[in-house]
């Protein structure tokens, strides 16, 4: 198989979005993900030298840890309107950075 025959070479890149969130937008995100999506998994990252958890954690527990400032990052994986979204929330000196990647799969 040559590089020209590789189907992944022509695959479209996933949708990527970035934003800075204030507390009100964080709360809206948590409410929306909890209410209108099919939650696939939640992963947490503790301190700067800790790795992200290998196993998913309970959504409500992860949100509580985030609100208490006990985790450095969260990754919310969910399906909404036939797209799988990976939202990563990162604490920064300027606030919460959201990186959102959408994976569209053929019907």
Protein backbone atom coordinates (compact mmCIF):
# COMPACT_ATOMS: atom_id res chain seq x y z
CA UNK A 1 0.00 0.00 0.00
CA UNK A 2 1.44 3.39 -0.92
CA UNK A 3 0.89 6.61 1.00
CA UNK A 4 -1.67 7.53 -1.65
CA UNK A 5 -3.72 4.44 -0.76
CA UNK A 6 -3.91 5.28 2.96
CA UNK A 7 -7.58 6.16 3.71
CA UNK A 8 -6.59 8.11 6.83
CA UNK A 9 -4.64 10.52 4.63
CA UNK A 10 -7.90 11.88 3.20
CA UNK A 11 -9.86 11.79 6.45
CA UNK A 12 -11.09 15.20 7.57
CA UNK A 13 -9.59 16.66 10.73
CA UNK A 14 -11.90 16.75 13.76
CA UNK A 15 -13.67 19.98 14.70
CA UNK A 16 -11.56 21.93 17.21
CA UNK A 17 -12.70 24.89 19.31
CA UNK A 18 -11.08 26.84 22.13
CA UNK A 19 -12.55 29.34 24.58
CA UNK A 20 -12.00 30.92 27.97
CA UNK A 21 -14.90 30.31 30.36
CA UNK A 22 -16.07 32.31 33.34
CA UNK A 23 -17.91 30.62 36.23
CA UNK A 24 -21.34 31.17 34.65
CA UNK A 25 -20.28 29.49 31.39
CA UNK A 26 -18.68 26.62 33.33
CA UNK A 27 -21.95 26.03 35.16
CA UNK A 28 -23.90 26.14 31.89
CA UNK A 29 -21.51 23.61 30.35
CA UNK A 30 -21.89 21.23 33.32
CA UNK A 31 -25.69 21.62 33.26
CA UNK A 32 -25.93 21.06 29.51
CA UNK A 33 -23.60 18.05 29.47
CA UNK A 34 -25.47 16.49 32.39
CA UNK A 35 -28.93 17.14 30.96
CA UNK A 36 -28.86 16.82 27.18
CA UNK A 37 -25.95 14.61 26.18
CA UNK A 38 -25.12 10.93 26.28
CA UNK A 39 -22.19 10.96 28.71
CA UNK A 40 -19.43 8.56 27.65
CA UNK A 41 -16.87 9.23 30.38
CA UNK A 42 -15.24 11.79 32.65
CA UNK A 43 -11.53 11.86 33.44
CA UNK A 44 -9.67 14.02 35.97
CA UNK A 45 -6.12 15.29 36.34
CA UNK A 46 -4.94 16.27 39.81
CA UNK A 47 -1.79 18.30 40.34
CA UNK A 48 0.75 19.45 37.76
CA UNK A 49 2.86 16.29 38.04
CA UNK A 50 -0.04 13.83 38.24
CA UNK A 51 -1.30 11.91 35.25
CA UNK A 52 -4.94 11.97 34.28
CA UNK A 53 -6.98 9.14 35.75
CA UNK A 54 -7.02 6.02 33.61
CA UNK A 55 -10.53 5.11 34.67
CA UNK A 56 -13.57 7.31 34.22
CA UNK A 57 -15.02 8.92 37.33
CA UNK A 58 -18.60 9.78 38.21
CA UNK A 59 -19.75 13.01 36.54
CA UNK A 60 -21.19 14.57 39.72
CA UNK A 61 -18.04 13.67 41.67
CA UNK A 62 -15.80 15.18 38.98
CA UNK A 63 -17.81 18.42 38.91
CA UNK A 64 -17.64 18.64 42.73
CA UNK A 65 -13.85 18.13 42.63
CA UNK A 66 -13.60 20.86 39.98
CA UNK A 67 -15.73 23.32 41.96
CA UNK A 68 -13.58 22.73 45.07
CA UNK A 69 -10.41 23.33 43.05
CA UNK A 70 -9.09 19.83 43.77
CA UNK A 71 -8.32 18.93 40.15
CA UNK A 72 -6.25 20.73 37.56
CA UNK A 73 -8.15 19.48 34.50
CA UNK A 74 -11.28 17.58 33.49
CA UNK A 75 -12.10 15.81 30.27
CA UNK A 76 -15.77 15.30 29.51
CA UNK A 77 -16.51 12.82 26.73
CA UNK A 78 -20.06 12.79 25.44
CA UNK A 79 -22.21 12.28 22.38
CA UNK A 80 -24.54 15.01 21.15
CA UNK A 81 -26.38 15.01 17.82
CA UNK A 82 -24.35 12.07 16.45
CA UNK A 83 -21.01 13.74 17.23
CA UNK A 84 -18.65 12.58 19.96
CA UNK A 85 -17.23 15.57 21.81
CA UNK A 86 -14.16 15.66 24.05
CA UNK A 87 -14.22 18.80 26.21
CA UNK A 88 -11.05 19.41 28.19
CA UNK A 89 -11.21 22.07 30.90
CA UNK A 90 -7.86 23.38 32.13
CA UNK A 91 -7.20 25.75 35.02
CA UNK A 92 -4.97 28.64 33.94
CA UNK A 93 -3.92 31.88 35.65
CA UNK A 94 -6.42 33.70 33.39
CA UNK A 95 -9.36 31.36 34.11
CA UNK A 96 -10.71 28.15 32.67
CA UNK A 97 -9.58 27.19 29.20
CA UNK A 98 -11.91 24.93 27.23
CA UNK A 99 -10.56 22.85 24.35
CA UNK A 100 -13.35 21.05 22.49
CA UNK A 101 -12.79 18.41 19.84
CA UNK A 102 -15.68 16.95 17.85
CA UNK A 103 -15.34 13.55 16.23
CA UNK A 104 -17.86 12.99 13.45
CA UNK A 105 -18.43 9.42 12.39
CA UNK A 106 -20.09 8.20 9.24
CA UNK A 107 -23.78 7.29 9.76
